[in-house]
N, C-alpha and C. Protein backbone atom coordinates (compact mmCIF):
# COMPACT_ATOMS: atom_id res chain seq x y z
N MET A 1 -133.37 -102.94 102.65
CA MET A 1 -134.37 -103.39 103.42
C MET A 1 -134.87 -104.50 103.25
N ASN A 2 -135.36 -105.49 104.19
CA ASN A 2 -135.56 -106.85 104.18
C ASN A 2 -136.87 -106.73 104.02
N SER A 3 -137.40 -107.71 103.17
CA SER A 3 -139.03 -107.69 103.02
C SER A 3 -139.41 -108.58 104.21
N ARG A 4 -140.71 -108.92 104.39
CA ARG A 4 -141.31 -109.47 105.16
C ARG A 4 -141.18 -110.88 105.80
N SER A 5 -140.89 -111.67 104.40
CA SER A 5 -140.81 -112.84 104.78
C SER A 5 -139.41 -113.30 104.87
N ASP A 6 -138.29 -112.46 104.84
CA ASP A 6 -136.73 -112.91 104.90
C ASP A 6 -136.41 -112.36 106.42
N ARG A 7 -137.25 -111.80 107.40
CA ARG A 7 -136.71 -111.26 108.41
C ARG A 7 -136.18 -112.38 109.39
N SER A 8 -135.35 -112.05 110.15
CA SER A 8 -134.63 -112.94 111.31
C SER A 8 -135.88 -112.90 112.64
N ILE A 9 -135.60 -114.04 113.30
CA ILE A 9 -136.33 -114.03 114.48
C ILE A 9 -136.09 -112.83 115.66
N PRO A 10 -134.72 -112.63 115.43
CA PRO A 10 -134.36 -111.43 116.25
C PRO A 10 -135.04 -110.24 115.79
N GLU A 11 -134.85 -110.07 114.74
CA GLU A 11 -135.62 -108.80 114.18
C GLU A 11 -137.01 -108.71 114.31
N LEU A 12 -137.87 -109.99 114.41
CA LEU A 12 -139.07 -109.78 114.45
C LEU A 12 -139.50 -109.51 116.02
N PHE A 13 -138.49 -110.21 116.84
CA PHE A 13 -139.05 -110.07 118.22
C PHE A 13 -138.38 -108.48 118.50
N SER A 14 -137.35 -108.02 118.02
CA SER A 14 -137.16 -106.57 118.43
C SER A 14 -138.39 -105.85 118.01
N ASP A 15 -138.82 -105.96 116.72
CA ASP A 15 -140.22 -105.01 116.18
C ASP A 15 -141.11 -105.21 117.29
N ALA A 16 -141.47 -106.49 117.45
CA ALA A 16 -142.80 -106.71 118.50
C ALA A 16 -142.53 -106.07 119.81
N VAL A 17 -141.42 -105.90 120.49
CA VAL A 17 -141.02 -105.32 121.65
C VAL A 17 -141.13 -103.85 121.38
N GLY A 18 -140.59 -103.58 120.41
CA GLY A 18 -140.75 -101.98 120.15
C GLY A 18 -142.27 -101.59 119.97
N GLN A 19 -143.08 -102.50 119.10
CA GLN A 19 -144.53 -102.25 119.21
C GLN A 19 -145.25 -102.26 120.72
N LEU A 20 -144.64 -103.16 121.05
CA LEU A 20 -145.38 -103.31 122.77
C LEU A 20 -145.09 -102.09 123.35
N ALA A 21 -143.77 -101.65 123.34
CA ALA A 21 -143.22 -100.29 124.22
C ALA A 21 -144.16 -99.25 123.85
N LYS A 22 -144.24 -99.05 122.62
CA LYS A 22 -144.90 -97.82 121.88
C LYS A 22 -146.44 -98.04 122.40
N LEU A 23 -146.83 -99.04 122.38
CA LEU A 23 -148.33 -99.38 122.82
C LEU A 23 -148.60 -99.05 124.42
N ILE A 24 -147.71 -99.71 125.13
CA ILE A 24 -147.79 -99.39 126.34
C ILE A 24 -147.47 -97.96 126.70
N GLY A 25 -146.74 -97.28 125.96
CA GLY A 25 -146.95 -95.81 126.17
C GLY A 25 -148.02 -94.95 125.75
N ASN A 26 -148.97 -95.77 124.39
CA ASN A 26 -150.19 -94.93 124.14
C ASN A 26 -151.06 -95.21 125.44
N GLU A 27 -150.90 -96.40 126.03
CA GLU A 27 -151.79 -96.62 126.94
C GLU A 27 -151.58 -95.78 128.29
N PHE A 28 -150.53 -95.42 128.59
CA PHE A 28 -150.28 -94.41 129.58
C PHE A 28 -150.73 -93.03 129.16
N ALA A 29 -150.62 -92.83 128.11
CA ALA A 29 -151.27 -91.40 127.65
C ALA A 29 -152.91 -91.27 127.44
N LEU A 30 -153.47 -92.67 127.31
CA LEU A 30 -154.86 -92.73 127.39
C LEU A 30 -155.37 -92.62 128.81
N ALA A 31 -154.72 -93.05 129.77
CA ALA A 31 -154.76 -93.03 131.16
C ALA A 31 -154.97 -91.71 131.69
N ARG A 32 -153.63 -91.35 131.20
CA ARG A 32 -153.53 -89.70 131.94
C ARG A 32 -154.79 -89.01 131.35
N ALA A 33 -154.96 -88.81 129.87
CA ALA A 33 -155.82 -88.32 129.35
C ALA A 33 -157.57 -88.18 130.20
N GLU A 34 -157.63 -89.67 130.30
CA GLU A 34 -159.02 -89.87 130.99
C GLU A 34 -159.03 -89.68 132.24
N LEU A 35 -157.91 -89.79 133.29
CA LEU A 35 -158.21 -89.13 134.36
C LEU A 35 -157.99 -87.87 134.41
N PHE A 36 -157.42 -87.12 133.67
CA PHE A 36 -157.91 -85.62 133.53
C PHE A 36 -159.18 -85.26 133.41
N VAL A 37 -159.86 -86.03 132.51
CA VAL A 37 -161.07 -85.31 132.12
C VAL A 37 -161.94 -85.86 133.33
N LYS A 38 -161.55 -87.12 134.07
CA LYS A 38 -162.53 -87.30 135.23
C LYS A 38 -162.24 -86.55 136.25
N ALA A 39 -161.17 -86.21 136.53
CA ALA A 39 -160.83 -84.75 137.43
C ALA A 39 -161.51 -83.76 137.21
N GLY A 40 -161.77 -83.43 135.90
CA GLY A 40 -162.19 -81.92 135.58
C GLY A 40 -163.99 -82.31 135.88
N GLN A 41 -164.44 -83.19 135.67
CA GLN A 41 -165.70 -83.67 135.77
C GLN A 41 -166.29 -83.62 137.43
N ALA A 42 -165.36 -84.20 138.09
CA ALA A 42 -165.47 -84.25 139.50
C ALA A 42 -165.30 -82.62 140.14
N GLY A 43 -164.33 -82.23 139.65
CA GLY A 43 -164.28 -80.56 139.97
C GLY A 43 -165.61 -79.81 139.70
N ARG A 44 -165.83 -79.96 138.48
CA ARG A 44 -167.11 -79.34 138.06
C ARG A 44 -168.61 -79.51 138.93
N ALA A 45 -168.32 -80.93 139.23
CA ALA A 45 -169.60 -81.41 140.00
C ALA A 45 -169.48 -80.98 141.55
N ALA A 46 -168.18 -80.92 141.94
CA ALA A 46 -168.35 -80.43 143.24
C ALA A 46 -168.40 -78.65 143.23
N ALA A 47 -168.28 -78.06 142.29
CA ALA A 47 -168.67 -76.64 142.28
C ALA A 47 -170.02 -76.49 142.48
N ILE A 48 -170.48 -77.19 141.51
CA ILE A 48 -172.20 -77.05 141.30
C ILE A 48 -172.66 -77.63 142.49
N MET A 49 -172.34 -78.57 143.39
CA MET A 49 -172.71 -79.09 144.39
C MET A 49 -172.74 -78.06 145.91
N GLY A 50 -171.27 -77.44 145.55
CA GLY A 50 -170.96 -76.22 146.59
C GLY A 50 -172.05 -75.00 146.33
N ALA A 51 -172.21 -74.59 144.99
CA ALA A 51 -173.28 -73.46 144.93
C ALA A 51 -174.47 -73.96 145.49
N GLY A 52 -175.21 -75.08 145.13
CA GLY A 52 -176.59 -75.67 145.69
C GLY A 52 -176.45 -75.66 147.17
N ALA A 53 -175.34 -75.93 147.83
CA ALA A 53 -175.26 -76.14 149.40
C ALA A 53 -175.36 -74.73 149.87
N LEU A 54 -174.71 -73.86 149.13
CA LEU A 54 -174.54 -72.58 149.85
C LEU A 54 -176.03 -72.02 149.37
N ILE A 55 -176.76 -72.02 148.40
CA ILE A 55 -178.00 -71.65 148.25
C ILE A 55 -179.02 -72.01 149.45
N MET A 56 -178.94 -73.52 149.49
CA MET A 56 -179.80 -74.29 150.45
C MET A 56 -179.69 -73.76 151.98
N ILE A 57 -178.65 -73.35 152.33
CA ILE A 57 -178.55 -73.18 153.78
C ILE A 57 -179.51 -72.26 154.19
N PRO A 58 -179.70 -70.87 153.85
CA PRO A 58 -180.80 -70.18 154.23
C PRO A 58 -182.33 -70.80 154.29
N ALA A 59 -182.45 -71.50 153.22
CA ALA A 59 -183.81 -72.02 152.89
C ALA A 59 -183.90 -73.37 153.91
N LEU A 60 -183.01 -73.87 154.32
CA LEU A 60 -182.97 -75.00 155.65
C LEU A 60 -182.90 -74.06 157.17
N VAL A 61 -182.50 -73.26 156.91
CA VAL A 61 -182.63 -72.33 158.49
C VAL A 61 -183.91 -72.16 158.69
N MET A 62 -184.62 -71.56 157.34
CA MET A 62 -186.08 -71.18 157.46
C MET A 62 -187.04 -72.41 157.78
N LEU A 63 -186.71 -73.34 157.09
CA LEU A 63 -187.46 -74.53 157.39
C LEU A 63 -187.62 -75.29 158.73
N LEU A 64 -186.30 -75.16 159.25
CA LEU A 64 -186.05 -75.80 160.51
C LEU A 64 -186.81 -74.70 161.49
N THR A 65 -186.46 -73.21 161.23
CA THR A 65 -187.31 -72.71 162.27
C THR A 65 -188.88 -72.64 162.41
N ALA A 66 -189.23 -73.05 161.02
CA ALA A 66 -190.65 -73.32 161.00
C ALA A 66 -191.16 -74.51 161.76
N VAL A 67 -190.34 -75.62 161.84
CA VAL A 67 -190.74 -76.73 162.36
C VAL A 67 -190.67 -76.60 163.76
N ALA A 68 -189.42 -75.79 164.45
CA ALA A 68 -189.44 -75.47 165.61
C ALA A 68 -190.74 -74.56 166.20
N SER A 69 -191.20 -73.52 165.41
CA SER A 69 -192.17 -72.78 165.60
C SER A 69 -193.45 -73.85 166.07
N ALA A 70 -193.56 -74.80 164.75
CA ALA A 70 -194.92 -75.57 165.06
C ALA A 70 -194.72 -76.51 166.37
N LEU A 71 -193.68 -76.43 166.54
CA LEU A 71 -193.59 -77.72 167.83
C LEU A 71 -194.06 -76.81 168.90
N MET A 72 -193.40 -75.80 168.85
CA MET A 72 -193.69 -74.53 170.27
C MET A 72 -195.33 -74.06 170.25
N HIS A 73 -195.91 -74.03 168.83
CA HIS A 73 -197.55 -73.77 168.77
C HIS A 73 -198.04 -75.32 169.23
N ALA A 74 -197.55 -76.23 169.27
CA ALA A 74 -198.05 -77.39 169.44
C ALA A 74 -197.98 -77.72 171.32
N GLY A 75 -197.37 -76.63 171.76
CA GLY A 75 -197.16 -77.05 173.26
C GLY A 75 -195.83 -77.17 173.75
N LEU A 76 -194.82 -77.58 173.06
CA LEU A 76 -193.70 -77.90 173.67
C LEU A 76 -192.95 -76.39 173.80
N SER A 77 -191.88 -76.40 174.92
CA SER A 77 -191.39 -75.15 175.36
C SER A 77 -189.99 -74.73 174.08
N ASP A 78 -189.78 -73.77 174.16
CA ASP A 78 -188.81 -73.22 173.13
C ASP A 78 -187.71 -74.00 173.34
N PRO A 79 -186.89 -74.11 174.22
CA PRO A 79 -185.72 -74.85 174.14
C PRO A 79 -185.67 -76.59 173.83
N VAL A 80 -186.95 -76.87 174.22
CA VAL A 80 -187.28 -78.32 173.59
C VAL A 80 -187.61 -78.55 171.91
N ALA A 81 -188.50 -77.44 171.76
CA ALA A 81 -188.66 -77.60 170.17
C ALA A 81 -187.58 -77.40 169.56
N TYR A 82 -186.32 -76.45 169.79
CA TYR A 82 -185.03 -76.38 169.28
C TYR A 82 -184.43 -77.22 169.25
N LEU A 83 -184.29 -78.16 170.18
CA LEU A 83 -183.59 -79.07 170.45
C LEU A 83 -184.01 -80.43 169.46
N ILE A 84 -185.26 -80.52 169.65
CA ILE A 84 -185.78 -81.80 168.57
C ILE A 84 -185.68 -81.39 167.40
N THR A 85 -185.62 -80.22 166.84
CA THR A 85 -185.62 -79.93 165.75
C THR A 85 -184.17 -79.82 165.20
N GLY A 86 -183.12 -79.44 165.98
CA GLY A 86 -181.70 -79.54 165.44
C GLY A 86 -181.33 -80.98 165.64
N ALA A 87 -181.53 -81.79 166.57
CA ALA A 87 -181.32 -83.09 166.54
C ALA A 87 -181.62 -83.99 165.59
N SER A 88 -182.81 -83.83 165.08
CA SER A 88 -183.47 -84.48 163.87
C SER A 88 -182.55 -84.04 162.48
N ALA A 89 -182.39 -82.56 162.57
CA ALA A 89 -181.48 -82.26 161.27
C ALA A 89 -180.23 -82.68 161.16
N ALA A 90 -179.56 -82.92 162.31
CA ALA A 90 -178.14 -83.44 162.69
C ALA A 90 -178.28 -84.99 162.38
N MET A 91 -179.35 -85.81 162.52
CA MET A 91 -179.36 -86.96 162.40
C MET A 91 -179.33 -87.31 160.57
N ILE A 92 -180.43 -86.40 160.06
CA ILE A 92 -180.69 -86.74 158.75
C ILE A 92 -179.19 -86.17 157.94
N SER A 93 -178.67 -85.24 158.51
CA SER A 93 -177.29 -84.76 157.63
C SER A 93 -176.12 -85.61 157.92
N ALA A 94 -176.14 -86.40 159.12
CA ALA A 94 -175.24 -87.33 159.02
C ALA A 94 -175.35 -88.79 158.33
N LEU A 95 -176.70 -88.87 158.19
CA LEU A 95 -177.11 -89.91 157.21
C LEU A 95 -176.87 -89.45 155.86
N LEU A 96 -177.14 -88.53 155.44
CA LEU A 96 -176.70 -88.12 153.93
C LEU A 96 -175.12 -88.19 153.82
N ILE A 97 -174.63 -87.66 154.76
CA ILE A 97 -173.08 -87.67 154.29
C ILE A 97 -172.25 -88.87 154.22
N MET A 98 -173.28 -90.00 155.25
CA MET A 98 -172.63 -91.63 154.99
C MET A 98 -172.79 -92.06 153.57
N VAL A 99 -174.00 -91.52 153.13
CA VAL A 99 -174.62 -92.20 151.95
C VAL A 99 -173.69 -91.70 150.84
N GLY A 100 -173.14 -90.25 151.08
CA GLY A 100 -172.51 -89.76 150.04
C GLY A 100 -171.12 -90.24 150.05
N ILE A 101 -170.48 -90.31 151.03
CA ILE A 101 -168.94 -90.91 151.24
C ILE A 101 -169.11 -92.49 150.48
N ASN A 102 -170.17 -93.29 150.74
CA ASN A 102 -170.21 -94.50 150.29
C ASN A 102 -170.26 -94.38 148.86
N ARG A 103 -171.04 -93.56 148.25
CA ARG A 103 -171.18 -93.42 146.63
C ARG A 103 -169.80 -92.70 146.51
N LEU A 104 -168.95 -92.05 146.64
CA LEU A 104 -167.70 -91.55 146.23
C LEU A 104 -166.51 -92.65 146.67
N SER A 105 -166.61 -93.75 145.67
CA SER A 105 -165.84 -95.11 146.03
C SER A 105 -164.84 -94.74 144.79
N GLY A 106 -163.79 -95.48 144.82
CA GLY A 106 -162.86 -95.59 143.80
C GLY A 106 -163.33 -96.20 142.50
N ASP A 107 -164.57 -97.06 142.70
CA ASP A 107 -165.17 -97.35 141.12
C ASP A 107 -165.47 -96.28 140.42
N ALA A 108 -166.18 -95.49 140.92
CA ALA A 108 -166.52 -94.28 140.22
C ALA A 108 -165.69 -93.56 139.49
N LEU A 109 -164.11 -93.60 139.97
CA LEU A 109 -163.30 -92.56 139.49
C LEU A 109 -162.35 -93.65 138.59
N LYS A 110 -162.61 -94.69 138.57
CA LYS A 110 -161.58 -95.73 137.71
C LYS A 110 -161.59 -95.56 136.37
N PRO A 111 -160.50 -95.37 135.78
CA PRO A 111 -160.65 -95.24 134.21
C PRO A 111 -160.83 -96.57 133.56
N THR A 112 -162.17 -97.00 133.42
CA THR A 112 -162.46 -98.03 133.04
C THR A 112 -162.00 -98.20 131.38
N ALA A 113 -162.35 -97.40 130.31
CA ALA A 113 -161.77 -97.34 129.10
C ALA A 113 -160.32 -97.92 129.23
N THR A 114 -159.48 -97.32 129.82
CA THR A 114 -158.00 -97.57 130.12
C THR A 114 -157.97 -99.21 130.48
N MET A 115 -158.40 -99.44 131.46
CA MET A 115 -158.24 -100.75 132.00
C MET A 115 -158.96 -101.85 131.05
N ASP A 116 -159.92 -101.51 130.25
CA ASP A 116 -160.22 -102.72 129.33
C ASP A 116 -159.37 -102.61 127.99
N GLU A 117 -158.65 -101.51 127.90
CA GLU A 117 -157.63 -101.49 126.55
C GLU A 117 -156.25 -102.40 127.27
N ILE A 118 -155.91 -102.03 128.36
CA ILE A 118 -154.85 -102.52 128.94
C ILE A 118 -154.93 -104.24 128.93
N GLU A 119 -155.98 -104.62 129.26
CA GLU A 119 -156.59 -106.07 129.31
C GLU A 119 -156.35 -106.66 127.86
N ARG A 120 -156.89 -105.82 126.78
CA ARG A 120 -156.68 -106.39 125.67
C ARG A 120 -155.49 -106.38 125.18
N ASP A 121 -154.45 -105.24 125.56
CA ASP A 121 -152.95 -105.19 125.06
C ASP A 121 -152.26 -106.61 125.56
N LYS A 122 -152.68 -106.89 127.07
CA LYS A 122 -151.99 -107.98 127.71
C LYS A 122 -152.02 -109.03 126.84
N ALA A 123 -153.39 -109.50 126.33
CA ALA A 123 -153.78 -110.60 125.81
C ALA A 123 -153.08 -110.54 124.19
N ALA A 124 -153.08 -109.34 123.58
CA ALA A 124 -152.16 -109.24 122.19
C ALA A 124 -150.75 -109.64 122.64
N ALA A 125 -150.29 -109.29 123.64
CA ALA A 125 -148.75 -109.44 124.00
C ALA A 125 -148.60 -111.07 124.24
N ARG A 126 -149.76 -111.46 124.87
CA ARG A 126 -149.37 -113.00 125.17
C ARG A 126 -149.35 -113.87 123.98
N GLU A 127 -150.45 -113.13 122.99
CA GLU A 127 -150.29 -113.89 121.73
C GLU A 127 -149.06 -113.55 121.02
N MET A 128 -148.42 -112.46 120.81
CA MET A 128 -147.35 -112.25 120.35
C MET A 128 -145.99 -113.16 120.73
N VAL A 129 -145.84 -113.41 121.99
CA VAL A 129 -144.98 -114.12 122.68
C VAL A 129 -145.12 -115.26 122.18
N ARG A 130 -146.29 -116.16 122.36
CA ARG A 130 -146.29 -117.53 121.81
C ARG A 130 -145.83 -117.72 120.39
């Protein structure tokens, strides 16, 4: 086996390429693991939100009925009170849905640790080639 000082340039280049290939393979494994963890987090969060929404539905029905009843007691007819209450609830729901969609961006699910590692690896590969 050759010592470190008498290795040829092709041997050194071959070793560098082999190490770079191994590093890239490790980065893909890290990205896969990180995405799996992020997907699990998103799934658990969605399940919890779904459970909360399921429990919230009857509570909202009761609250909206109370609002409509208060409007009726204030002198509005039953259909008008229900229409105002329903339209108001629909507008609030649409606003909340739009805010939620905007917050569920690609940046939130981006594998940031892997991206940082890849940037460092690219810089290291550039240094090895020089």
